[in-house]
């Protein structure tokens, strides 16, 4: 089936839907295309870092030339 034939088929299928069915399909499509935006919450990553090296805060060897 080519793109033009597919478009015609989809339009015909939509035309045959009842108003209630159309609204359900529309709502589902909008939910897929525009998912809700989730805002990060303060402290939501707490407990994710379980190990940190003892020398984590030490200067890196690669930057010795730039340090006073």
PDB file of N, CA and C in Angstrom:
ATOM      1  N   UNK A   1       0.857  -1.179   0.000  1.00  0.00           N
ATOM      2  CA  UNK A   1       0.000   0.000   0.000  1.00  0.00           C
ATOM      3  C   UNK A   1       0.899   1.237   0.000  1.00  0.00           C
ATOM      4  N   UNK A   2       0.649   2.141  -0.910  1.00  0.00           N
ATOM      5  CA  UNK A   2       1.443   3.358  -0.996  1.00  0.00           C
ATOM      6  C   UNK A   2       0.936   4.394  -0.011  1.00  0.00           C
ATOM      7  N   UNK A   3       1.712   5.439   0.175  1.00  0.00           N
ATOM      8  CA  UNK A   3       1.387   6.462   1.166  1.00  0.00           C
ATOM      9  C   UNK A   3       0.042   7.119   0.876  1.00  0.00           C
ATOM     10  N   UNK A   4      -0.233   7.446  -0.378  1.00  0.00           N
ATOM     11  CA  UNK A   4      -1.494   8.104  -0.729  1.00  0.00           C
ATOM     12  C   UNK A   4      -2.679   7.186  -0.427  1.00  0.00           C
ATOM     13  N   UNK A   5      -2.550   5.904  -0.758  1.00  0.00           N
ATOM     14  CA  UNK A   5      -3.626   4.949  -0.481  1.00  0.00           C
ATOM     15  C   UNK A   5      -3.830   4.790   1.022  1.00  0.00           C
ATOM     16  N   UNK A   6      -2.734   4.784   1.751  1.00  0.00           N
ATOM     17  CA  UNK A   6      -2.822   4.654   3.207  1.00  0.00           C
ATOM     18  C   UNK A   6      -3.535   5.853   3.818  1.00  0.00           C
ATOM     19  N   UNK A   7      -3.238   7.060   3.341  1.00  0.00           N
ATOM     20  CA  UNK A   7      -3.899   8.265   3.843  1.00  0.00           C
ATOM     21  C   UNK A   7      -5.406   8.180   3.603  1.00  0.00           C
ATOM     22  N   UNK A   8      -5.784   7.766   2.413  1.00  0.00           N
ATOM     23  CA  UNK A   8      -7.210   7.643   2.089  1.00  0.00           C
ATOM     24  C   UNK A   8      -7.876   6.617   2.997  1.00  0.00           C
ATOM     25  N   UNK A   9      -7.203   5.505   3.216  1.00  0.00           N
ATOM     26  CA  UNK A   9      -7.743   4.450   4.075  1.00  0.00           C
ATOM     27  C   UNK A   9      -7.929   4.963   5.503  1.00  0.00           C
ATOM     28  N   UNK A  10      -6.934   5.682   6.018  1.00  0.00           N
ATOM     29  CA  UNK A  10      -7.025   6.201   7.393  1.00  0.00           C
ATOM     30  C   UNK A  10      -8.156   7.209   7.510  1.00  0.00           C
ATOM     31  N   UNK A  11      -8.292   8.089   6.534  1.00  0.00           N
ATOM     32  CA  UNK A  11      -9.369   9.085   6.569  1.00  0.00           C
ATOM     33  C   UNK A  11     -10.726   8.397   6.553  1.00  0.00           C
ATOM     34  N   UNK A  12     -10.879   7.363   5.742  1.00  0.00           N
ATOM     35  CA  UNK A  12     -12.151   6.628   5.699  1.00  0.00           C
ATOM     36  C   UNK A  12     -12.438   5.943   7.030  1.00  0.00           C
ATOM     37  N   UNK A  13     -11.408   5.356   7.633  1.00  0.00           N
ATOM     38  CA  UNK A  13     -11.592   4.692   8.938  1.00  0.00           C
ATOM     39  C   UNK A  13     -11.999   5.700  10.000  1.00  0.00           C
ATOM     40  N   UNK A  14     -11.383   6.871   9.994  1.00  0.00           N
ATOM     41  CA  UNK A  14     -11.719   7.909  10.980  1.00  0.00           C
ATOM     42  C   UNK A  14     -13.142   8.398  10.766  1.00  0.00           C
ATOM     43  N   UNK A  15     -13.558   8.550   9.520  1.00  0.00           N
ATOM     44  CA  UNK A  15     -14.907   9.027   9.216  1.00  0.00           C
ATOM     45  C   UNK A  15     -15.975   8.065   9.725  1.00  0.00           C
ATOM     46  N   UNK A  16     -15.655   6.783   9.810  1.00  0.00           N
ATOM     47  CA  UNK A  16     -16.626   5.789  10.259  1.00  0.00           C
ATOM     48  C   UNK A  16     -16.734   5.696  11.780  1.00  0.00           C
ATOM     49  N   UNK A  17     -15.850   6.348  12.512  1.00  0.00           N
ATOM     50  CA  UNK A  17     -15.888   6.290  13.971  1.00  0.00           C
ATOM     51  C   UNK A  17     -17.025   7.134  14.526  1.00  0.00           C
ATOM     52  N   UNK A  18     -17.588   6.694  15.640  1.00  0.00           N
ATOM     53  CA  UNK A  18     -18.575   7.515  16.328  1.00  0.00           C
ATOM     54  C   UNK A  18     -17.831   8.650  17.037  1.00  0.00           C
ATOM     55  N   UNK A  19     -18.572   9.642  17.499  1.00  0.00           N
ATOM     56  CA  UNK A  19     -17.943  10.771  18.179  1.00  0.00           C
ATOM     57  C   UNK A  19     -17.163  10.304  19.411  1.00  0.00           C
ATOM     58  N   UNK A  20     -17.729   9.377  20.151  1.00  0.00           N
ATOM     59  CA  UNK A  20     -17.072   8.876  21.359  1.00  0.00           C
ATOM     60  C   UNK A  20     -15.787   8.121  21.014  1.00  0.00           C
ATOM     61  N   UNK A  21     -15.844   7.284  19.994  1.00  0.00           N
ATOM     62  CA  UNK A  21     -14.650   6.553  19.562  1.00  0.00           C
ATOM     63  C   UNK A  21     -13.581   7.510  19.044  1.00  0.00           C
ATOM     64  N   UNK A  22     -14.014   8.526  18.292  1.00  0.00           N
ATOM     65  CA  UNK A  22     -13.073   9.503  17.757  1.00  0.00           C
ATOM     66  C   UNK A  22     -12.361  10.234  18.891  1.00  0.00           C
ATOM     67  N   UNK A  23     -13.115  10.659  19.910  1.00  0.00           N
ATOM     68  CA  UNK A  23     -12.516  11.386  21.024  1.00  0.00           C
ATOM     69  C   UNK A  23     -11.534  10.500  21.790  1.00  0.00           C
ATOM     70  N   UNK A  24     -11.837   9.226  21.924  1.00  0.00           N
ATOM     71  CA  UNK A  24     -10.926   8.309  22.603  1.00  0.00           C
ATOM     72  C   UNK A  24      -9.632   8.163  21.811  1.00  0.00           C
ATOM     73  N   UNK A  25      -9.741   7.990  20.498  1.00  0.00           N
ATOM     74  CA  UNK A  25      -8.548   7.883  19.651  1.00  0.00           C
ATOM     75  C   UNK A  25      -7.748   9.177  19.699  1.00  0.00           C
ATOM     76  N   UNK A  26      -8.448  10.305  19.638  1.00  0.00           N
ATOM     77  CA  UNK A  26      -7.786  11.610  19.688  1.00  0.00           C
ATOM     78  C   UNK A  26      -7.045  11.800  21.009  1.00  0.00           C
ATOM     79  N   UNK A  27      -7.696  11.478  22.117  1.00  0.00           N
ATOM     80  CA  UNK A  27      -7.057  11.603  23.427  1.00  0.00           C
ATOM     81  C   UNK A  27      -5.823  10.710  23.536  1.00  0.00           C
ATOM     82  N   UNK A  28      -5.931   9.488  23.049  1.00  0.00           N
ATOM     83  CA  UNK A  28      -4.780   8.570  23.077  1.00  0.00           C
ATOM     84  C   UNK A  28      -3.630   9.107  22.232  1.00  0.00           C
ATOM     85  N   UNK A  29      -3.949   9.641  21.068  1.00  0.00           N
ATOM     86  CA  UNK A  29      -2.929  10.186  20.181  1.00  0.00           C
ATOM     87  C   UNK A  29      -2.249  11.401  20.813  1.00  0.00           C
ATOM     88  N   UNK A  30      -3.022  12.285  21.418  1.00  0.00           N
ATOM     89  CA  UNK A  30      -2.444  13.466  22.068  1.00  0.00           C
ATOM     90  C   UNK A  30      -1.556  13.065  23.246  1.00  0.00           C
ATOM     91  N   UNK A  31      -1.962  12.039  23.972  1.00  0.00           N
ATOM     92  CA  UNK A  31      -1.168  11.558  25.097  1.00  0.00           C
ATOM     93  C   UNK A  31       0.166  10.987  24.617  1.00  0.00           C
ATOM     94  N   UNK A  32       0.161  10.340  23.445  1.00  0.00           N
ATOM     95  CA  UNK A  32       1.400   9.792  22.889  1.00  0.00           C
ATOM     96  C   UNK A  32       2.304  10.888  22.344  1.00  0.00           C
ATOM     97  N   UNK A  33       1.713  11.862  21.685  1.00  0.00           N
ATOM     98  CA  UNK A  33       2.511  12.922  21.064  1.00  0.00           C
ATOM     99  C   UNK A  33       3.011  13.954  22.061  1.00  0.00           C
ATOM    100  N   UNK A  34       2.281  14.173  23.141  1.00  0.00           N
ATOM    101  CA  UNK A  34       2.643  15.190  24.128  1.00  0.00           C
ATOM    102  C   UNK A  34       2.600  14.598  25.536  1.00  0.00           C
ATOM    103  N   UNK A  35       3.609  13.804  25.908  1.00  0.00           N
ATOM    104  CA  UNK A  35       3.606  13.223  27.250  1.00  0.00           C
ATOM    105  C   UNK A  35       3.746  14.319  28.305  1.00  0.00           C
ATOM    106  N   UNK A  36       3.233  14.097  29.503  1.00  0.00           N
ATOM    107  CA  UNK A  36       3.325  15.117  30.552  1.00  0.00           C
ATOM    108  C   UNK A  36       4.788  15.383  30.919  1.00  0.00           C
ATOM    109  N   UNK A  37       5.086  16.646  31.177  1.00  0.00           N
ATOM    110  CA  UNK A  37       6.438  17.036  31.552  1.00  0.00           C
ATOM    111  C   UNK A  37       6.600  16.814  33.050  1.00  0.00           C
ATOM    112  N   UNK A  38       7.625  16.077  33.401  1.00  0.00           N
ATOM    113  CA  UNK A  38       7.876  15.823  34.817  1.00  0.00           C
ATOM    114  C   UNK A  38       9.005  16.724  35.287  1.00  0.00           C
ATOM    115  N   UNK A  39       8.755  17.436  36.356  1.00  0.00           N
ATOM    116  CA  UNK A  39       9.786  18.306  36.907  1.00  0.00           C
ATOM    117  C   UNK A  39      10.546  17.536  37.979  1.00  0.00           C
ATOM    118  N   UNK A  40      11.867  17.645  37.979  1.00  0.00           N
ATOM    119  CA  UNK A  40      12.641  16.927  38.991  1.00  0.00           C
ATOM    120  C   UNK A  40      12.364  17.499  40.382  1.00  0.00           C
ATOM    121  N   UNK A  41      12.385  16.645  41.360  1.00  0.00           N
ATOM    122  CA  UNK A  41      12.167  17.072  42.744  1.00  0.00           C
ATOM    123  C   UNK A  41      13.491  17.090  43.486  1.00  0.00           C
ATOM    124  N   UNK A  42      13.652  18.066  44.352  1.00  0.00           N
ATOM    125  CA  UNK A  42      14.857  18.187  45.146  1.00  0.00           C
ATOM    126  C   UNK A  42      15.029  16.922  45.999  1.00  0.00           C
ATOM    127  N   UNK A  43      16.208  16.323  45.908  1.00  0.00           N
ATOM    128  CA  UNK A  43      16.508  15.136  46.690  1.00  0.00           C
ATOM    129  C   UNK A  43      16.067  13.832  46.053  1.00  0.00           C
ATOM    130  N   UNK A  44      15.602  13.876  44.817  1.00  0.00           N
ATOM    131  CA  UNK A  44      15.095  12.660  44.197  1.00  0.00           C
ATOM    132  C   UNK A  44      16.207  11.670  43.844  1.00  0.00           C
ATOM    133  N   UNK A  45      17.470  12.109  43.813  1.00  0.00           N
ATOM    134  CA  UNK A  45      18.583  11.208  43.491  1.00  0.00           C
ATOM    135  C   UNK A  45      19.305  10.731  44.756  1.00  0.00           C
ATOM    136  N   UNK A  46      18.746  11.040  45.878  1.00  0.00           N
ATOM    137  CA  UNK A  46      19.373  10.653  47.140  1.00  0.00           C
ATOM    138  C   UNK A  46      19.527   9.133  47.213  1.00  0.00           C
ATOM    139  N   UNK A  47      20.737   8.687  47.549  1.00  0.00           N
ATOM    140  CA  UNK A  47      21.009   7.268  47.693  1.00  0.00           C
ATOM    141  C   UNK A  47      21.483   6.596  46.416  1.00  0.00           C
ATOM    142  N   UNK A  48      21.532   7.324  45.279  1.00  0.00           N
ATOM    143  CA  UNK A  48      21.967   6.710  44.033  1.00  0.00           C
ATOM    144  C   UNK A  48      23.479   6.529  43.976  1.00  0.00           C
ATOM    145  N   UNK A  49      24.235   7.434  44.591  1.00  0.00           N
ATOM    146  CA  UNK A  49      25.696   7.308  44.616  1.00  0.00           C
ATOM    147  C   UNK A  49      26.050   6.497  45.853  1.00  0.00           C
ATOM    148  N   UNK A  50      26.524   5.273  45.644  1.00  0.00           N
ATOM    149  CA  UNK A  50      26.813   4.404  46.781  1.00  0.00           C
ATOM    150  C   UNK A  50      28.302   4.278  47.057  1.00  0.00           C
ATOM    151  N   UNK A  51      29.157   4.732  46.126  1.00  0.00           N
ATOM    152  CA  UNK A  51      30.590   4.655  46.328  1.00  0.00           C
ATOM    153  C   UNK A  51      31.238   5.894  45.737  1.00  0.00           C
ATOM    154  N   UNK A  52      32.207   6.443  46.479  1.00  0.00           N
ATOM    155  CA  UNK A  52      32.987   7.563  45.984  1.00  0.00           C
ATOM    156  C   UNK A  52      34.430   7.334  46.438  1.00  0.00           C
ATOM    157  N   UNK A  53      35.362   7.461  45.513  1.00  0.00           N
ATOM    158  CA  UNK A  53      36.769   7.212  45.817  1.00  0.00           C
ATOM    159  C   UNK A  53      37.264   8.181  46.888  1.00  0.00           C
ATOM    160  N   UNK A  54      38.239   7.738  47.677  1.00  0.00           N
ATOM    161  CA  UNK A  54      38.797   8.577  48.743  1.00  0.00           C
ATOM    162  C   UNK A  54      39.452   9.839  48.184  1.00  0.00           C
ATOM    163  N   UNK A  55      40.008   9.764  46.987  1.00  0.00           N
ATOM    164  CA  UNK A  55      40.691  10.919  46.402  1.00  0.00           C
ATOM    165  C   UNK A  55      39.795  11.689  45.429  1.00  0.00           C
ATOM    166  N   UNK A  56      38.513  11.646  45.623  1.00  0.00           N
ATOM    167  CA  UNK A  56      37.570  12.296  44.707  1.00  0.00           C
ATOM    168  C   UNK A  56      37.830  13.793  44.580  1.00  0.00           C
ATOM    169  N   UNK A  57      38.130  14.459  45.695  1.00  0.00           N
ATOM    170  CA  UNK A  57      38.327  15.915  45.684  1.00  0.00           C
ATOM    171  C   UNK A  57      39.757  16.338  45.368  1.00  0.00           C
ATOM    172  N   UNK A  58      40.653  15.393  45.176  1.00  0.00           N
ATOM    173  CA  UNK A  58      42.047  15.725  44.871  1.00  0.00           C
ATOM    174  C   UNK A  58      42.175  16.235  43.439  1.00  0.00           C
ATOM    175  N   UNK A  59      43.147  17.139  43.208  1.00  0.00           N
ATOM    176  CA  UNK A  59      43.354  17.647  41.847  1.00  0.00           C
ATOM    177  C   UNK A  59      43.773  16.524  40.899  1.00  0.00           C
ATOM    178  N   UNK A  60      43.369  16.636  39.658  1.00  0.00           N
ATOM    179  CA  UNK A  60      43.710  15.645  38.647  1.00  0.00           C
ATOM    180  C   UNK A  60      45.117  15.907  38.109  1.00  0.00           C
ATOM    181  N   UNK A  61      45.815  14.846  37.791  1.00  0.00           N
ATOM    182  CA  UNK A  61      47.172  14.957  37.239  1.00  0.00           C
ATOM    183  C   UNK A  61      47.194  15.758  35.932  1.00  0.00           C
ATOM    184  N   UNK A  62      46.156  15.622  35.135  1.00  0.00           N
ATOM    185  CA  UNK A  62      46.111  16.308  33.848  1.00  0.00           C
ATOM    186  C   UNK A  62      46.105  17.835  33.972  1.00  0.00           C
ATOM    187  N   UNK A  63      45.689  18.349  35.122  1.00  0.00           N
ATOM    188  CA  UNK A  63      45.566  19.795  35.308  1.00  0.00           C
ATOM    189  C   UNK A  63      46.684  20.387  36.153  1.00  0.00           C
ATOM    190  N   UNK A  64      47.714  19.627  36.448  1.00  0.00           N
ATOM    191  CA  UNK A  64      48.832  20.131  37.273  1.00  0.00           C
ATOM    192  C   UNK A  64      49.479  21.365  36.640  1.00  0.00           C
ATOM    193  N   UNK A  65      49.583  21.413  35.303  1.00  0.00           N
ATOM    194  CA  UNK A  65      50.222  22.539  34.626  1.00  0.00           C
ATOM    195  C   UNK A  65      49.446  23.839  34.798  1.00  0.00           C
ATOM    196  N   UNK A  66      48.180  23.763  35.063  1.00  0.00           N
ATOM    197  CA  UNK A  66      47.347  24.954  35.160  1.00  0.00           C
ATOM    198  C   UNK A  66      47.166  25.441  36.587  1.00  0.00           C
ATOM    199  N   UNK A  67      47.649  24.711  37.558  1.00  0.00           N
ATOM    200  CA  UNK A  67      47.449  25.060  38.954  1.00  0.00           C
ATOM    201  C   UNK A  67      48.600  25.923  39.459  1.00  0.00           C
ATOM    202  N   UNK A  68      48.323  26.821  40.402  1.00  0.00           N
ATOM    203  CA  UNK A  68      49.386  27.688  40.958  1.00  0.00           C
ATOM    204  C   UNK A  68      50.393  26.920  41.766  1.00  0.00           C
TER     205      UNK A  68
END
